[in-house]
Amino acid sequence: MSHLNQILHEVTNDEYARRAFTNNAFDGALTFLGILMGSLILPEFVPSTIINIGLSTCLAIGMSGMFGSFLSERAERKRSLRQMERDMLTTDLSDSSLGREARKKTLTISLIDGVSPALAALVPLTPFFFAQASFIPVGVSIVCSFVLVFVVLFGLGVFLGKTSQEDILLYGGIVVAIGFATSLIILVASVYFH
């Protein structure tokens, strides 16, 4: 099984991986929504500025998710391995199947934690590349970006609805409502502090 297939398998079948995926993708989408909302109060909306800020944010949130998760996941799994060694009165399980599985899970979860927020933020950033290349007007790129943020949020809600085996439309609607509430709070704060 390729590593990508394994990651997809983990996201859909492993409880912790599902939570990591949805929590971090939610972070990425709402973070980009914050960038988008904050940019609306600027005197001039320049696609290259949004691209630079968006890509920097995607990189930062992805690196933070990946390395923060790697370090904490590695520490927790090593702790569990050390506890098993004490319980089993053995000295080193790091080269055992348990040790190899712990390393594999650490890497997989770290990739999920890093890639999911970056992708969730990158999707709504894409219209600005088209605006920068003059394929679409800036106003259209803004509207498309908002639509894509809410499509990502709705998709996360559907995923959560399927995971919980509850109403996928209700979950999608709840997550979209959270996005709208976040937008409203950002708008009010932006106007107040501007």
C-alpha atoms as a PDB file:
ATOM      1  CA  MET A   1       0.000   0.000   0.000  1.00  0.00           C
ATOM      2  CA  SER A   2       1.482   3.378  -0.964  1.00  0.00           C
ATOM      3  CA  HIS A   3       2.009   5.950   1.751  1.00  0.00           C
ATOM      4  CA  LEU A   4      -0.762   8.172   0.307  1.00  0.00           C
ATOM      5  CA  ASN A   5      -3.192   5.249   0.318  1.00  0.00           C
ATOM      6  CA  GLN A   6      -2.189   4.480   3.885  1.00  0.00           C
ATOM      7  CA  ILE A   7      -2.838   8.078   4.928  1.00  0.00           C
ATOM      8  CA  LEU A   8      -6.262   8.020   3.261  1.00  0.00           C
ATOM      9  CA  HIS A   9      -6.987   4.720   4.994  1.00  0.00           C
ATOM     10  CA  GLU A  10      -5.953   6.213   8.336  1.00  0.00           C
ATOM     11  CA  VAL A  11      -8.086   9.330   7.841  1.00  0.00           C
ATOM     12  CA  THR A  12     -11.182   7.259   7.202  1.00  0.00           C
ATOM     13  CA  ASN A  13     -10.569   4.371   9.623  1.00  0.00           C
ATOM     14  CA  ASP A  14      -8.488   5.601  12.558  1.00  0.00           C
ATOM     15  CA  GLU A  15     -10.315   7.638  15.190  1.00  0.00           C
ATOM     16  CA  TYR A  16      -7.340   9.813  16.098  1.00  0.00           C
ATOM     17  CA  ALA A  17      -6.404  10.401  12.447  1.00  0.00           C
ATOM     18  CA  ARG A  18      -9.992  11.466  11.644  1.00  0.00           C
ATOM     19  CA  ARG A  19      -9.955  13.956  14.506  1.00  0.00           C
ATOM     20  CA  ALA A  20      -6.528  15.263  13.466  1.00  0.00           C
ATOM     21  CA  PHE A  21      -7.702  15.675   9.875  1.00  0.00           C
ATOM     22  CA  THR A  22     -10.945  17.488  10.683  1.00  0.00           C
ATOM     23  CA  ASN A  23      -9.542  19.679  13.480  1.00  0.00           C
ATOM     24  CA  ASN A  24      -6.582  20.804  11.413  1.00  0.00           C
ATOM     25  CA  ALA A  25      -8.503  21.246   8.156  1.00  0.00           C
ATOM     26  CA  PHE A  26     -11.026  23.318  10.111  1.00  0.00           C
ATOM     27  CA  ASP A  27      -8.125  25.428  11.429  1.00  0.00           C
ATOM     28  CA  GLY A  28      -6.787  25.926   7.910  1.00  0.00           C
ATOM     29  CA  ALA A  29     -10.144  26.938   6.429  1.00  0.00           C
ATOM     30  CA  LEU A  30     -11.009  29.345   9.249  1.00  0.00           C
ATOM     31  CA  THR A  31      -7.503  30.809   9.243  1.00  0.00           C
ATOM     32  CA  PHE A  32      -7.796  31.589   5.544  1.00  0.00           C
ATOM     33  CA  LEU A  33     -11.296  32.973   6.126  1.00  0.00           C
ATOM     34  CA  GLY A  34      -9.697  35.337   8.654  1.00  0.00           C
ATOM     35  CA  ILE A  35      -7.120  36.430   6.081  1.00  0.00           C
ATOM     36  CA  LEU A  36      -9.849  36.998   3.520  1.00  0.00           C
ATOM     37  CA  MET A  37     -12.109  38.941   5.874  1.00  0.00           C
ATOM     38  CA  GLY A  38      -9.243  41.049   7.204  1.00  0.00           C
ATOM     39  CA  SER A  39      -8.148  41.847   3.658  1.00  0.00           C
ATOM     40  CA  LEU A  40     -11.544  43.284   2.767  1.00  0.00           C
ATOM     41  CA  ILE A  41     -10.896  46.402   4.838  1.00  0.00           C
ATOM     42  CA  LEU A  42      -7.637  47.197   3.059  1.00  0.00           C
ATOM     43  CA  PRO A  43      -7.762  50.276   0.820  1.00  0.00           C
ATOM     44  CA  GLU A  44      -6.845  48.157  -2.203  1.00  0.00           C
ATOM     45  CA  PHE A  45      -7.366  44.424  -2.654  1.00  0.00           C
ATOM     46  CA  VAL A  46      -4.283  43.104  -4.484  1.00  0.00           C
ATOM     47  CA  PRO A  47      -4.247  39.387  -5.433  1.00  0.00           C
ATOM     48  CA  SER A  48      -0.462  39.097  -5.080  1.00  0.00           C
ATOM     49  CA  THR A  49      -0.707  40.289  -1.472  1.00  0.00           C
ATOM     50  CA  ILE A  50      -3.358  37.672  -0.675  1.00  0.00           C
ATOM     51  CA  ILE A  51      -1.289  35.009  -2.464  1.00  0.00           C
ATOM     52  CA  ASN A  52       1.838  35.906  -0.464  1.00  0.00           C
ATOM     53  CA  ILE A  53      -0.006  36.040   2.853  1.00  0.00           C
ATOM     54  CA  GLY A  54      -2.023  32.917   2.003  1.00  0.00           C
ATOM     55  CA  LEU A  55       0.978  30.829   0.934  1.00  0.00           C
ATOM     56  CA  SER A  56       2.990  31.969   3.951  1.00  0.00           C
ATOM     57  CA  THR A  57       0.094  31.025   6.196  1.00  0.00           C
ATOM     58  CA  CYS A  58      -0.365  27.649   4.470  1.00  0.00           C
ATOM     59  CA  LEU A  59       3.323  26.917   4.955  1.00  0.00           C
ATOM     60  CA  ALA A  60       3.350  28.071   8.577  1.00  0.00           C
ATOM     61  CA  ILE A  61       0.191  26.241   9.596  1.00  0.00           C
ATOM     62  CA  GLY A  62       1.329  23.111   7.761  1.00  0.00           C
ATOM     63  CA  MET A  63       4.784  23.140   9.349  1.00  0.00           C
ATOM     64  CA  SER A  64       3.299  23.862  12.760  1.00  0.00           C
ATOM     65  CA  GLY A  65       0.836  21.010  12.421  1.00  0.00           C
ATOM     66  CA  MET A  66       3.393  18.567  11.079  1.00  0.00           C
ATOM     67  CA  PHE A  67       6.301  19.210  13.422  1.00  0.00           C
ATOM     68  CA  GLY A  68       4.221  19.983  16.496  1.00  0.00           C
ATOM     69  CA  SER A  69       2.348  16.745  15.969  1.00  0.00           C
ATOM     70  CA  PHE A  70       5.502  14.789  15.172  1.00  0.00           C
ATOM     71  CA  LEU A  71       7.248  15.871  18.351  1.00  0.00           C
ATOM     72  CA  SER A  72       4.261  15.391  20.655  1.00  0.00           C
ATOM     73  CA  GLU A  73       3.151  12.140  18.999  1.00  0.00           C
ATOM     74  CA  ARG A  74       6.694  10.763  19.102  1.00  0.00           C
ATOM     75  CA  ALA A  75       7.056  11.631  22.787  1.00  0.00           C
ATOM     76  CA  GLU A  76       3.711  10.021  23.682  1.00  0.00           C
ATOM     77  CA  ARG A  77       4.386   6.862  21.690  1.00  0.00           C
ATOM     78  CA  LYS A  78       7.900   6.542  23.124  1.00  0.00           C
ATOM     79  CA  ARG A  79       6.418   6.943  26.595  1.00  0.00           C
ATOM     80  CA  SER A  80       3.914   4.163  25.889  1.00  0.00           C
ATOM     81  CA  LEU A  81       6.687   1.935  24.540  1.00  0.00           C
ATOM     82  CA  ARG A  82       8.827   2.565  27.638  1.00  0.00           C
ATOM     83  CA  GLN A  83       5.850   1.707  29.845  1.00  0.00           C
ATOM     84  CA  MET A  84       5.339  -1.557  27.939  1.00  0.00           C
ATOM     85  CA  GLU A  85       9.035  -2.351  28.349  1.00  0.00           C
ATOM     86  CA  ARG A  86       8.707  -1.904  32.105  1.00  0.00           C
ATOM     87  CA  ASP A  87       5.496  -3.965  32.224  1.00  0.00           C
ATOM     88  CA  MET A  88       7.035  -6.758  30.134  1.00  0.00           C
ATOM     89  CA  LEU A  89      10.394  -6.596  31.960  1.00  0.00           C
ATOM     90  CA  THR A  90      12.271  -6.140  28.687  1.00  0.00           C
ATOM     91  CA  THR A  91      14.843  -3.540  27.713  1.00  0.00           C
ATOM     92  CA  ASP A  92      14.151  -2.373  24.179  1.00  0.00           C
ATOM     93  CA  LEU A  93      11.023  -2.627  22.027  1.00  0.00           C
ATOM     94  CA  SER A  94      12.088   0.038  19.529  1.00  0.00           C
ATOM     95  CA  ASP A  95      13.010  -2.515  16.842  1.00  0.00           C
ATOM     96  CA  SER A  96       9.969  -4.696  17.521  1.00  0.00           C
ATOM     97  CA  SER A  97       6.742  -4.639  15.531  1.00  0.00           C
ATOM     98  CA  LEU A  98       5.310  -2.364  18.265  1.00  0.00           C
ATOM     99  CA  GLY A  99       8.191   0.075  17.824  1.00  0.00           C
ATOM    100  CA  ARG A 100       7.903   0.063  14.049  1.00  0.00           C
ATOM    101  CA  GLU A 101       4.118   0.570  14.260  1.00  0.00           C
ATOM    102  CA  ALA A 102       4.624   3.480  16.675  1.00  0.00           C
ATOM    103  CA  ARG A 103       7.061   5.157  14.247  1.00  0.00           C
ATOM    104  CA  LYS A 104       4.722   4.565  11.297  1.00  0.00           C
ATOM    105  CA  LYS A 105       1.726   6.005  13.187  1.00  0.00           C
ATOM    106  CA  THR A 106       3.783   8.989  14.314  1.00  0.00           C
ATOM    107  CA  LEU A 107       4.787   9.784  10.741  1.00  0.00           C
ATOM    108  CA  THR A 108       1.278   9.247   9.343  1.00  0.00           C
ATOM    109  CA  ILE A 109      -0.427  11.396  11.980  1.00  0.00           C
ATOM    110  CA  SER A 110       2.224  14.102  11.532  1.00  0.00           C
ATOM    111  CA  LEU A 111       1.606  14.217   7.784  1.00  0.00           C
ATOM    112  CA  ILE A 112      -2.153  14.400   8.328  1.00  0.00           C
ATOM    113  CA  ASP A 113      -1.706  17.188  10.880  1.00  0.00           C
ATOM    114  CA  GLY A 114       0.512  19.144   8.498  1.00  0.00           C
ATOM    115  CA  VAL A 115      -1.163  18.594   5.161  1.00  0.00           C
ATOM    116  CA  SER A 116      -4.830  18.969   6.144  1.00  0.00           C
ATOM    117  CA  PRO A 117      -4.738  22.623   7.302  1.00  0.00           C
ATOM    118  CA  ALA A 118      -2.480  23.648   4.415  1.00  0.00           C
ATOM    119  CA  LEU A 119      -4.785  22.049   1.839  1.00  0.00           C
ATOM    120  CA  ALA A 120      -7.920  23.477   3.454  1.00  0.00           C
ATOM    121  CA  ALA A 121      -6.382  26.960   3.209  1.00  0.00           C
ATOM    122  CA  LEU A 122      -4.894  26.418  -0.245  1.00  0.00           C
ATOM    123  CA  VAL A 123      -8.213  25.496  -1.893  1.00  0.00           C
ATOM    124  CA  PRO A 124      -9.843  28.928  -1.343  1.00  0.00           C
ATOM    125  CA  LEU A 125      -6.565  30.654  -2.206  1.00  0.00           C
ATOM    126  CA  THR A 126      -6.568  29.304  -5.787  1.00  0.00           C
ATOM    127  CA  PRO A 127      -8.902  31.944  -7.330  1.00  0.00           C
ATOM    128  CA  PHE A 128      -6.322  34.621  -6.554  1.00  0.00           C
ATOM    129  CA  PHE A 129      -3.801  32.894  -8.802  1.00  0.00           C
ATOM    130  CA  PHE A 130      -6.307  33.258 -11.656  1.00  0.00           C
ATOM    131  CA  ALA A 131      -6.883  36.925 -10.771  1.00  0.00           C
ATOM    132  CA  GLN A 132      -3.132  37.544 -10.609  1.00  0.00           C
ATOM    133  CA  ALA A 133      -2.782  36.060 -14.101  1.00  0.00           C
ATOM    134  CA  SER A 134      -5.698  38.291 -15.272  1.00  0.00           C
ATOM    135  CA  PHE A 135      -7.887  35.290 -16.160  1.00  0.00           C
ATOM    136  CA  ILE A 136     -10.668  36.533 -13.875  1.00  0.00           C
ATOM    137  CA  PRO A 137     -11.430  39.923 -12.275  1.00  0.00           C
ATOM    138  CA  VAL A 138     -10.328  40.475  -8.683  1.00  0.00           C
ATOM    139  CA  GLY A 139     -13.962  40.791  -7.528  1.00  0.00           C
ATOM    140  CA  VAL A 140     -14.764  37.380  -8.991  1.00  0.00           C
ATOM    141  CA  SER A 141     -11.733  35.852  -7.270  1.00  0.00           C
ATOM    142  CA  ILE A 142     -12.946  37.210  -3.920  1.00  0.00           C
ATOM    143  CA  VAL A 143     -16.421  35.734  -4.407  1.00  0.00           C
ATOM    144  CA  CYS A 144     -14.979  32.412  -5.621  1.00  0.00           C
ATOM    145  CA  SER A 145     -12.654  32.296  -2.632  1.00  0.00           C
ATOM    146  CA  PHE A 146     -15.526  32.825  -0.190  1.00  0.00           C
ATOM    147  CA  VAL A 147     -17.542  30.126  -1.954  1.00  0.00           C
ATOM    148  CA  LEU A 148     -14.599  27.718  -1.793  1.00  0.00           C
ATOM    149  CA  VAL A 149     -14.017  28.375   1.928  1.00  0.00           C
ATOM    150  CA  PHE A 150     -17.625  27.502   2.631  1.00  0.00           C
ATOM    151  CA  VAL A 151     -17.489  24.465   0.328  1.00  0.00           C
ATOM    152  CA  VAL A 152     -14.472  23.221   2.304  1.00  0.00           C
ATOM    153  CA  LEU A 153     -16.304  23.865   5.580  1.00  0.00           C
ATOM    154  CA  PHE A 154     -19.434  22.121   4.311  1.00  0.00           C
ATOM    155  CA  GLY A 155     -17.314  19.174   3.151  1.00  0.00           C
ATOM    156  CA  LEU A 156     -15.777  18.910   6.615  1.00  0.00           C
ATOM    157  CA  GLY A 157     -19.263  18.928   8.094  1.00  0.00           C
ATOM    158  CA  VAL A 158     -20.360  16.154   5.736  1.00  0.00           C
ATOM    159  CA  PHE A 159     -17.281  14.143   6.738  1.00  0.00           C
ATOM    160  CA  LEU A 160     -18.169  14.633  10.417  1.00  0.00           C
ATOM    161  CA  GLY A 161     -21.790  13.661   9.748  1.00  0.00           C
ATOM    162  CA  LYS A 162     -20.672  10.463   8.019  1.00  0.00           C
ATOM    163  CA  THR A 163     -18.234   9.744  10.833  1.00  0.00           C
ATOM    164  CA  SER A 164     -20.909  10.150  13.507  1.00  0.00           C
ATOM    165  CA  GLN A 165     -23.483   8.365  11.310  1.00  0.00           C
ATOM    166  CA  GLU A 166     -25.802  11.325  11.702  1.00  0.00           C
ATOM    167  CA  ASP A 167     -27.381  13.786   9.293  1.00  0.00           C
ATOM    168  CA  ILE A 168     -24.619  14.923   6.933  1.00  0.00           C
ATOM    169  CA  LEU A 169     -26.542  18.005   5.798  1.00  0.00           C
ATOM    170  CA  LEU A 170     -27.106  19.087   9.392  1.00  0.00           C
ATOM    171  CA  TYR A 171     -23.408  18.718  10.184  1.00  0.00           C
ATOM    172  CA  GLY A 172     -22.496  20.540   6.980  1.00  0.00           C
ATOM    173  CA  GLY A 173     -24.884  23.339   7.906  1.00  0.00           C
ATOM    174  CA  ILE A 174     -23.496  23.604  11.434  1.00  0.00           C
ATOM    175  CA  VAL A 175     -19.918  23.911  10.207  1.00  0.00           C
ATOM    176  CA  VAL A 176     -20.940  26.493   7.579  1.00  0.00           C
ATOM    177  CA  ALA A 177     -22.824  28.435  10.284  1.00  0.00           C
ATOM    178  CA  ILE A 178     -19.638  28.482  12.368  1.00  0.00           C
ATOM    179  CA  GLY A 179     -17.853  29.928   9.330  1.00  0.00           C
ATOM    180  CA  PHE A 180     -20.500  32.637   8.933  1.00  0.00           C
ATOM    181  CA  ALA A 181     -20.363  33.462  12.651  1.00  0.00           C
ATOM    182  CA  THR A 182     -16.571  33.693  12.428  1.00  0.00           C
ATOM    183  CA  SER A 183     -16.885  36.013   9.410  1.00  0.00           C
ATOM    184  CA  LEU A 184     -19.319  38.250  11.260  1.00  0.00           C
ATOM    185  CA  ILE A 185     -17.091  38.464  14.346  1.00  0.00           C
ATOM    186  CA  ILE A 186     -14.055  39.276  12.176  1.00  0.00           C
ATOM    187  CA  LEU A 187     -16.023  41.896  10.249  1.00  0.00           C
ATOM    188  CA  VAL A 188     -17.215  43.605  13.434  1.00  0.00           C
ATOM    189  CA  ALA A 189     -13.720  43.497  14.941  1.00  0.00           C
ATOM    190  CA  SER A 190     -12.165  44.799  11.704  1.00  0.00           C
ATOM    191  CA  VAL A 191     -14.555  47.721  11.531  1.00  0.00           C
ATOM    192  CA  TYR A 192     -14.165  48.486  15.235  1.00  0.00           C
ATOM    193  CA  PHE A 193     -10.364  48.426  15.220  1.00  0.00           C
ATOM    194  CA  HIS A 194      -9.920  50.077  11.812  1.00  0.00           C
END
